[in-house]
Amino acid sequence: MFWKRKTTGPAPRRASFRPTLETLEAREVPAVIELGAAQAIDATAAVRYKSFANTGSREIYVGKPDLGVGANRSEVDFSWLKPGEYNIAFSYDGATTLTTTVTPAPGTGGSSKNLLYTLAAPLTNLDAFEIILADRHGAGQVNVTNLQVDGVDVGTGTFNGNGQVQSWKFAAHEVADGAFTFTGTIHLSGTFSGGDEKSKLEIKVGDAVGYNLPELPVVTPGADGFTGEGGVRFKSFGNGSTSGDVYVGRPDLGIGGANRTETGGIIWETDLAYSFTITYSQATNTLTATIAGKTVVYTGLTPGSDGWNALRIDVVNRQEGNTVHLDNVEVNGVAVGNFYSGSGGNTDYQSWTVSNLNLNGDFTITGEMTLHGAFSNSSELSRVEIQVGHRS
């Protein structure tokens, strides 16, 4: 998956303080999922930006595949400048209209073009799209940056031509909703010569054949109806406690012995973002947590008869003036959100449940934890805990 953060290697990065409360209301989160190259997509809408050498043919197509067939498209002339940057938008209104707009970025001359195509009927069975980037002019280069669908990054958002034809395929809830908008920036440099199709960017949208888009996780405040059967706890943020800094095991993690494995020796620093990874291997029945260069493994969890379909996330900060942030949390590469402790005090014990998950097998949870302020030597006044289990 393409969202995952680094979990080992470089030191944690310096983080900025964010004082606002986040992720306290029930909500769904977006998901764009990379598919394998062999996944077939039955495309029913497309846009093509081409002829970067300005050969005299139409430079922009929008319509239904195959766009190479004139009856399938609307088309318009456009003059590409090199070097040049062009902001693009490709949208579907959920009814019968496809629209694309190309606008020169500041510093690039020229004017905008807008092009519409009217479909015979509304599009159905949308859940996937393909990005095709051709860059076959040896002296010219085509790159795409900031590519998003409905404001959500597609992959890293950056696609490089690298002198060849490349394709990337994705599934997305953003297109499955029935209306969508793709945005991004085309970067042109060097010299382009003849050949309308030697270099181009094409976006095709349709149905991923035989693929079922997974349901989105849902985040709700509180932990009503949740039963935890495995977990990880990060704690002792004041560095003065003799107890462990990381616990991995089964709830209650506060009970030692057979309930947990632990490690110490971490010197927690404030204003640093600590990347973490939590993984479960069904084959070995091991839950593993990695943070701040430490890896802790626990073996012997016992999933209940209902299986695992949810997480519980606790971000606890019961010390006035301090804050604890848990950011960029993802489950198997799908974004879940950011979680904030509040500004401290006896009542700042925040819990959320992430439901609508399928954790009955191997899974990976990633994110970043950031501490702000001066923490006391108490091992449990402030902590982060993530549990896996079942929500009824």
Protein backbone atom coordinates (compact mmCIF):
# COMPACT_ATOMS: atom_id res chain seq x y z
CA MET A 1 0.00 0.00 0.00
CA PHE A 2 1.18 3.44 -0.74
CA TRP A 3 0.26 5.45 2.38
CA LYS A 4 2.43 3.69 4.87
CA ARG A 5 4.79 5.72 6.98
CA LYS A 6 8.37 4.85 7.83
CA THR A 7 8.53 2.79 10.97
CA THR A 8 12.25 2.31 11.34
CA GLY A 9 15.35 4.10 10.16
CA PRO A 10 15.58 7.90 10.51
CA ALA A 11 14.95 9.55 13.85
CA PRO A 12 11.44 10.81 14.56
CA ARG A 13 10.70 14.10 12.83
CA ARG A 14 9.99 17.39 14.57
CA ALA A 15 6.27 17.98 14.68
CA SER A 16 4.19 21.13 14.84
CA PHE A 17 1.67 21.73 17.63
CA ARG A 18 -2.00 21.60 16.67
CA PRO A 19 -4.33 22.84 19.40
CA THR A 20 -7.68 21.82 17.90
CA LEU A 21 -9.74 18.80 18.90
CA GLU A 22 -10.01 16.26 16.08
CA THR A 23 -12.00 13.15 15.20
CA LEU A 24 -14.59 13.42 17.96
CA GLU A 25 -17.68 12.92 15.79
CA ALA A 26 -18.79 9.77 14.02
CA ARG A 27 -17.62 9.91 10.41
CA GLU A 28 -16.52 7.85 7.45
CA VAL A 29 -13.02 8.26 6.08
CA PRO A 30 -11.91 8.20 2.45
CA ALA A 31 -10.05 5.34 0.86
CA VAL A 32 -8.11 4.98 -2.37
CA ILE A 33 -6.69 1.48 -2.75
CA GLU A 34 -3.94 0.51 -5.18
CA LEU A 35 -4.76 -2.51 -7.35
CA GLY A 36 -2.45 -4.95 -9.10
CA ALA A 37 -1.40 -4.42 -12.70
CA ALA A 38 -3.34 -7.53 -13.77
CA GLN A 39 -6.67 -6.19 -12.45
CA ALA A 40 -9.08 -5.66 -15.35
CA ILE A 41 -11.08 -2.43 -15.37
CA ASP A 42 -14.18 -2.07 -17.54
CA ALA A 43 -13.85 1.67 -18.22
CA THR A 44 -16.92 3.74 -19.10
CA ALA A 45 -15.55 7.31 -18.86
CA ALA A 46 -12.20 8.83 -19.73
CA VAL A 47 -10.18 11.97 -20.37
CA ARG A 48 -7.00 12.32 -22.42
CA TYR A 49 -4.45 15.16 -22.52
CA LYS A 50 -2.14 14.71 -25.52
CA SER A 51 -0.29 16.11 -28.52
CA PHE A 52 2.16 18.06 -26.36
CA ALA A 53 4.08 18.99 -29.53
CA ASN A 54 1.00 20.95 -30.71
CA THR A 55 0.91 18.99 -33.96
CA GLY A 56 -2.40 20.41 -35.14
CA SER A 57 -4.69 17.65 -33.94
CA ARG A 58 -6.95 18.12 -30.94
CA GLU A 59 -5.07 18.16 -27.64
CA ILE A 60 -7.89 17.36 -25.18
CA TYR A 61 -10.43 14.51 -25.39
CA VAL A 62 -13.21 13.65 -22.96
CA GLY A 63 -15.87 10.95 -23.35
CA LYS A 64 -16.12 7.18 -23.18
CA PRO A 65 -13.43 4.65 -24.15
CA ASP A 66 -12.09 4.06 -26.70
CA LEU A 67 -11.29 7.79 -26.96
CA GLY A 68 -9.43 7.02 -30.18
CA VAL A 69 -12.86 6.61 -31.83
CA GLY A 70 -14.17 10.02 -32.84
CA ALA A 71 -17.82 9.24 -32.09
CA ASN A 72 -16.92 8.47 -28.47
CA ARG A 73 -15.59 11.89 -27.52
CA SER A 74 -15.69 15.64 -27.42
CA GLU A 75 -12.41 17.33 -28.34
CA VAL A 76 -10.81 20.75 -28.36
CA ASP A 77 -7.59 22.47 -29.44
CA PHE A 78 -5.13 23.59 -26.81
CA SER A 79 -1.62 25.01 -27.02
CA TRP A 80 0.90 23.48 -24.62
CA LEU A 81 3.90 25.63 -23.66
CA LYS A 82 7.22 24.11 -22.58
CA PRO A 83 8.29 24.42 -19.89
CA GLY A 84 4.80 24.67 -18.54
CA GLU A 85 2.51 23.62 -15.71
CA TYR A 86 -1.19 22.99 -16.22
CA ASN A 87 -3.83 22.41 -13.57
CA ILE A 88 -6.37 19.85 -14.72
CA ALA A 89 -9.82 18.81 -13.53
CA PHE A 90 -11.92 15.88 -14.75
CA SER A 91 -15.37 15.46 -13.23
CA TYR A 92 -18.64 13.58 -13.49
CA ASP A 93 -21.85 15.13 -12.15
CA GLY A 94 -23.52 11.82 -11.27
CA ALA A 95 -25.97 12.18 -14.16
CA THR A 96 -24.91 12.47 -17.82
CA THR A 97 -22.17 15.11 -17.97
CA LEU A 98 -18.40 14.66 -18.04
CA THR A 99 -16.31 17.82 -17.83
CA THR A 100 -12.62 18.60 -18.07
CA THR A 101 -10.84 21.91 -17.55
CA VAL A 102 -7.20 22.77 -18.25
CA THR A 103 -5.83 25.95 -16.68
CA PRO A 104 -2.25 27.23 -17.06
CA ALA A 105 -0.60 27.56 -13.66
CA PRO A 106 0.76 30.96 -12.60
CA GLY A 107 3.87 31.67 -14.64
CA THR A 108 2.69 29.61 -17.60
CA GLY A 109 1.12 31.61 -20.41
CA GLY A 110 -2.06 30.87 -22.30
CA SER A 111 -5.73 30.62 -21.40
CA SER A 112 -8.00 27.96 -19.91
CA LYS A 113 -10.10 25.50 -21.87
CA ASN A 114 -13.29 23.79 -20.73
CA LEU A 115 -14.76 20.73 -22.49
CA LEU A 116 -18.00 18.78 -21.88
CA TYR A 117 -19.28 15.41 -23.04
CA THR A 118 -22.89 14.28 -22.68
CA LEU A 119 -23.44 10.60 -21.93
CA ALA A 120 -26.41 8.68 -23.25
CA ALA A 121 -27.22 7.47 -19.72
CA PRO A 122 -25.83 7.80 -16.18
CA LEU A 123 -22.73 5.77 -15.38
CA THR A 124 -23.12 2.69 -13.19
CA ASN A 125 -20.84 0.24 -11.37
CA LEU A 126 -18.09 2.78 -10.75
CA ASP A 127 -15.45 1.71 -8.25
CA ALA A 128 -12.03 2.02 -9.93
CA PHE A 129 -9.83 4.04 -12.24
CA GLU A 130 -6.62 3.75 -14.21
CA ILE A 131 -3.89 6.34 -14.73
CA ILE A 132 -1.97 5.96 -18.00
CA LEU A 133 1.10 8.16 -18.48
CA ALA A 134 3.00 7.95 -21.77
CA ASP A 135 6.32 9.79 -22.06
CA ARG A 136 7.97 8.68 -25.29
CA HIS A 137 9.60 11.89 -26.51
CA GLY A 138 13.24 11.44 -25.69
CA ALA A 139 13.90 15.16 -25.32
CA GLY A 140 10.63 15.92 -23.56
CA GLN A 141 9.31 14.90 -20.17
CA VAL A 142 5.80 14.58 -18.72
CA ASN A 143 5.16 14.37 -14.97
CA VAL A 144 1.97 14.66 -12.95
CA THR A 145 1.76 15.96 -9.38
CA ASN A 146 -0.92 16.62 -6.76
CA LEU A 147 -3.25 14.06 -8.33
CA GLN A 148 -6.36 13.67 -6.20
CA VAL A 149 -9.87 12.31 -6.46
CA ASP A 150 -12.41 14.31 -4.45
CA GLY A 151 -9.55 15.85 -2.48
CA VAL A 152 -7.93 12.52 -1.57
CA ASP A 153 -4.41 11.78 -2.78
CA VAL A 154 -4.08 9.16 -5.50
CA GLY A 155 -1.05 7.17 -4.40
CA THR A 156 1.65 9.65 -3.47
CA GLY A 157 0.01 12.15 -5.82
CA THR A 158 3.08 12.14 -8.09
CA PHE A 159 3.54 10.14 -11.30
CA ASN A 160 6.68 10.34 -13.43
CA GLY A 161 6.81 9.47 -17.13
CA ASN A 162 10.40 8.22 -17.12
CA GLY A 163 10.51 7.89 -20.91
CA GLN A 164 7.95 5.08 -21.21
CA VAL A 165 4.28 4.12 -20.98
CA GLN A 166 3.15 3.35 -17.46
CA SER A 167 -0.15 2.44 -15.87
CA TRP A 168 -1.45 2.52 -12.30
CA LYS A 169 -4.81 1.14 -11.17
CA PHE A 170 -6.82 2.07 -8.10
CA ALA A 171 -10.14 1.37 -6.43
CA ALA A 172 -11.84 4.25 -4.65
CA HIS A 173 -14.97 4.98 -2.67
CA GLU A 174 -14.75 8.48 -4.13
CA VAL A 175 -15.76 7.21 -7.57
CA ALA A 176 -18.14 4.58 -6.18
CA ASP A 177 -20.24 7.41 -4.75
CA GLY A 178 -21.44 8.07 -8.30
CA ALA A 179 -19.91 11.52 -8.87
CA PHE A 180 -16.25 12.44 -8.79
CA THR A 181 -13.65 15.10 -9.51
CA PHE A 182 -10.02 14.39 -10.35
CA THR A 183 -7.54 17.26 -10.01
CA GLY A 184 -3.80 17.49 -10.56
CA THR A 185 -0.99 19.29 -12.35
CA ILE A 186 0.74 18.30 -15.60
CA HIS A 187 4.38 19.35 -15.84
CA LEU A 188 5.94 19.59 -19.30
CA SER A 189 9.62 20.20 -19.98
CA GLY A 190 12.05 19.74 -22.85
CA THR A 191 11.23 19.41 -26.53
CA PHE A 192 8.34 17.43 -28.01
CA SER A 193 8.10 16.49 -31.68
CA GLY A 194 5.53 14.73 -33.95
CA GLY A 195 3.25 11.97 -32.83
CA ASP A 196 -0.06 12.90 -31.19
CA GLU A 197 -0.06 9.95 -28.83
CA LYS A 198 3.63 9.47 -28.07
CA SER A 199 3.17 11.39 -24.82
CA LYS A 200 -0.13 11.76 -22.99
CA LEU A 201 -1.99 11.52 -19.71
CA GLU A 202 -5.20 9.50 -19.67
CA ILE A 203 -7.57 8.79 -16.79
CA LYS A 204 -10.12 5.99 -17.25
CA VAL A 205 -12.93 5.35 -14.77
CA GLY A 206 -15.12 2.26 -14.49
CA ASP A 207 -15.65 -1.09 -12.80
CA ALA A 208 -12.86 -3.28 -11.44
CA VAL A 209 -13.98 -6.65 -12.83
CA GLY A 210 -14.43 -9.25 -10.10
CA TYR A 211 -13.19 -6.90 -7.38
CA ASN A 212 -15.29 -5.96 -4.34
CA LEU A 213 -14.48 -2.59 -2.85
CA PRO A 214 -14.05 -3.06 0.91
CA GLU A 215 -16.31 -1.17 3.25
CA LEU A 216 -14.94 1.99 4.83
CA PRO A 217 -14.05 2.04 8.51
CA VAL A 218 -16.31 4.19 10.68
CA VAL A 219 -14.97 6.15 13.66
CA THR A 220 -17.27 6.88 16.61
CA PRO A 221 -16.56 8.39 20.04
CA GLY A 222 -16.57 6.02 22.99
CA ALA A 223 -16.17 2.28 23.31
CA ASP A 224 -19.73 1.05 23.88
CA GLY A 225 -20.19 -2.55 22.76
CA PHE A 226 -16.46 -3.15 22.21
CA THR A 227 -14.65 -6.19 23.59
CA GLY A 228 -10.86 -6.07 23.37
CA GLU A 229 -8.83 -9.26 22.83
CA GLY A 230 -5.39 -7.86 21.99
CA GLY A 231 -3.65 -4.55 22.43
CA VAL A 232 -0.64 -2.25 22.51
CA ARG A 233 0.06 0.49 25.05
CA PHE A 234 2.62 3.34 24.83
CA LYS A 235 3.24 4.94 28.22
CA SER A 236 5.61 6.39 30.84
CA PHE A 237 6.01 9.60 28.84
CA GLY A 238 7.80 11.37 31.73
CA ASN A 239 10.71 8.91 31.54
CA GLY A 240 10.87 8.62 35.32
CA SER A 241 8.95 5.40 35.80
CA THR A 242 10.63 2.05 36.27
CA SER A 243 7.77 0.25 34.52
CA GLY A 244 7.82 -0.54 30.81
CA ASP A 245 7.34 2.01 28.03
CA VAL A 246 5.57 -0.36 25.61
CA TYR A 247 3.16 -3.17 26.48
CA VAL A 248 1.88 -5.72 23.97
CA GLY A 249 -0.57 -8.47 24.88
CA ARG A 250 -4.18 -9.05 25.80
CA PRO A 251 -6.38 -6.80 27.95
CA ASP A 252 -6.13 -5.89 30.74
CA LEU A 253 -2.58 -4.81 29.82
CA GLY A 254 -2.23 -3.36 33.31
CA ILE A 255 -2.01 -6.92 34.59
CA GLY A 256 1.49 -8.28 34.14
CA GLY A 257 2.63 -11.85 33.76
CA ALA A 258 0.92 -13.85 31.04
CA ASN A 259 -1.14 -10.88 29.85
CA ARG A 260 1.72 -8.98 28.25
CA THR A 261 5.24 -8.60 26.94
CA GLU A 262 6.93 -5.28 27.63
CA THR A 263 10.04 -3.24 27.03
CA GLY A 264 11.60 -0.13 28.57
CA GLY A 265 14.57 2.05 27.79
CA ILE A 266 12.78 4.60 25.60
CA ILE A 267 13.55 8.23 26.35
CA TRP A 268 10.42 9.94 25.07
CA GLU A 269 11.00 13.40 23.62
CA THR A 270 8.39 16.09 23.17
CA ASP A 271 7.49 17.74 19.85
CA LEU A 272 8.69 14.72 17.89
CA ALA A 273 6.49 12.50 15.74
CA TYR A 274 7.16 8.84 16.56
CA SER A 275 6.14 6.53 13.71
CA PHE A 276 4.72 3.22 14.91
CA THR A 277 3.63 -0.07 13.38
CA ILE A 278 1.39 -2.73 14.89
CA THR A 279 1.10 -6.02 13.01
CA TYR A 280 -0.67 -9.31 13.57
CA SER A 281 0.38 -12.60 11.98
CA GLN A 282 -2.35 -15.21 11.96
CA ALA A 283 0.10 -17.99 11.05
CA THR A 284 2.18 -17.46 14.19
CA ASN A 285 -0.56 -15.81 16.29
CA THR A 286 1.82 -12.96 17.14
CA LEU A 287 1.03 -9.31 17.79
CA THR A 288 4.04 -7.04 17.22
CA ALA A 289 4.56 -3.35 17.96
CA THR A 290 7.47 -1.21 16.77
CA ILE A 291 8.16 2.36 17.93
CA ALA A 292 11.25 4.45 18.72
CA GLY A 293 13.57 1.67 17.60
CA LYS A 294 11.99 -0.91 19.94
CA THR A 295 10.07 -4.01 18.81
CA VAL A 296 7.86 -5.97 21.21
CA VAL A 297 6.21 -9.29 20.33
CA TYR A 298 3.41 -11.15 22.11
CA THR A 299 2.28 -14.66 21.19
CA GLY A 300 -0.93 -16.37 22.25
CA LEU A 301 -3.95 -14.19 21.53
CA THR A 302 -7.32 -15.93 21.40
CA PRO A 303 -9.83 -14.35 19.00
CA GLY A 304 -13.39 -14.81 20.19
CA SER A 305 -16.05 -16.67 18.24
CA ASP A 306 -17.29 -13.39 16.75
CA GLY A 307 -13.90 -12.62 15.20
CA TRP A 308 -12.23 -9.22 15.07
CA ASN A 309 -14.06 -6.37 13.39
CA ALA A 310 -13.03 -3.24 15.30
CA LEU A 311 -10.35 -1.26 17.09
CA ARG A 312 -10.54 0.75 20.28
CA ILE A 313 -8.23 3.77 20.46
CA ASP A 314 -7.55 5.49 23.80
CA VAL A 315 -5.56 8.73 23.93
CA VAL A 316 -5.18 9.64 27.59
CA ASN A 317 -3.75 12.88 28.99
CA ARG A 318 -4.56 13.62 32.61
CA GLN A 319 -1.86 16.24 33.14
CA GLU A 320 -2.84 19.88 32.72
CA GLY A 321 -1.12 21.74 29.89
CA ASN A 322 0.16 18.67 28.02
CA THR A 323 -1.22 17.13 24.85
CA VAL A 324 -0.92 13.78 23.12
CA HIS A 325 -1.60 13.43 19.39
CA LEU A 326 -2.12 10.25 17.41
CA ASP A 327 -2.01 11.14 13.73
CA ASN A 328 -2.23 9.55 10.27
CA VAL A 329 -3.61 6.30 11.65
CA GLU A 330 -4.18 3.69 8.94
CA VAL A 331 -5.46 0.11 8.96
CA ASN A 332 -4.09 -2.01 6.12
CA GLY A 333 -3.30 1.18 4.23
CA VAL A 334 -6.76 2.73 4.66
CA ALA A 335 -6.83 6.09 6.44
CA VAL A 336 -8.69 6.18 9.74
CA GLY A 337 -7.86 9.67 11.00
CA ASN A 338 -6.20 11.75 13.71
CA PHE A 339 -6.92 11.52 17.45
CA TYR A 340 -6.20 14.17 20.09
CA SER A 341 -6.14 13.89 23.85
CA GLY A 342 -7.40 17.33 24.79
CA SER A 343 -5.37 19.83 26.80
CA GLY A 344 -5.02 17.75 29.93
CA GLY A 345 -6.81 17.24 33.23
CA ASN A 346 -8.60 14.45 35.03
CA THR A 347 -11.33 14.20 32.39
CA ASP A 348 -9.09 13.97 29.33
CA TYR A 349 -9.47 10.26 28.72
CA GLN A 350 -10.60 10.08 25.10
CA SER A 351 -11.77 6.83 23.51
CA TRP A 352 -12.92 6.01 19.99
CA THR A 353 -14.09 2.84 18.27
CA VAL A 354 -13.10 2.12 14.67
CA SER A 355 -15.64 -0.35 13.31
CA ASN A 356 -16.56 -1.88 9.95
CA LEU A 357 -13.18 -3.62 9.75
CA ASN A 358 -12.21 -7.14 8.78
CA LEU A 359 -9.25 -8.09 10.97
CA ASN A 360 -9.71 -11.86 10.74
CA GLY A 361 -6.27 -12.51 9.33
CA ASP A 362 -3.00 -10.61 9.03
CA PHE A 363 -3.31 -6.84 9.51
CA THR A 364 -1.13 -3.77 9.90
CA ILE A 365 -1.85 -0.55 11.79
CA THR A 366 0.42 2.47 11.29
CA GLY A 367 0.48 6.03 12.54
CA GLU A 368 2.44 8.70 14.39
CA MET A 369 2.39 9.67 18.07
CA THR A 370 3.47 13.15 19.20
CA LEU A 371 3.84 14.43 22.77
CA HIS A 372 3.70 18.11 23.77
CA GLY A 373 4.55 19.52 27.21
CA ALA A 374 6.29 18.29 30.36
CA PHE A 375 5.00 14.93 31.59
CA SER A 376 5.24 13.71 35.17
CA ASN A 377 6.97 10.50 36.21
CA SER A 378 3.65 8.69 36.54
CA SER A 379 3.59 5.74 34.17
CA GLU A 380 -0.15 5.77 33.44
CA LEU A 381 -1.44 9.35 33.78
CA SER A 382 -0.90 9.79 30.06
CA ARG A 383 -0.78 6.99 27.52
CA VAL A 384 -1.95 5.70 24.15
CA GLU A 385 -3.59 2.31 23.80
CA ILE A 386 -4.88 0.55 20.69
CA GLN A 387 -6.91 -2.63 21.12
CA VAL A 388 -8.19 -5.08 18.54
CA GLY A 389 -11.41 -6.95 19.13
CA HIS A 390 -15.10 -7.13 18.37
CA ARG A 391 -17.89 -4.57 18.44
CA SER A 392 -21.39 -5.91 18.66
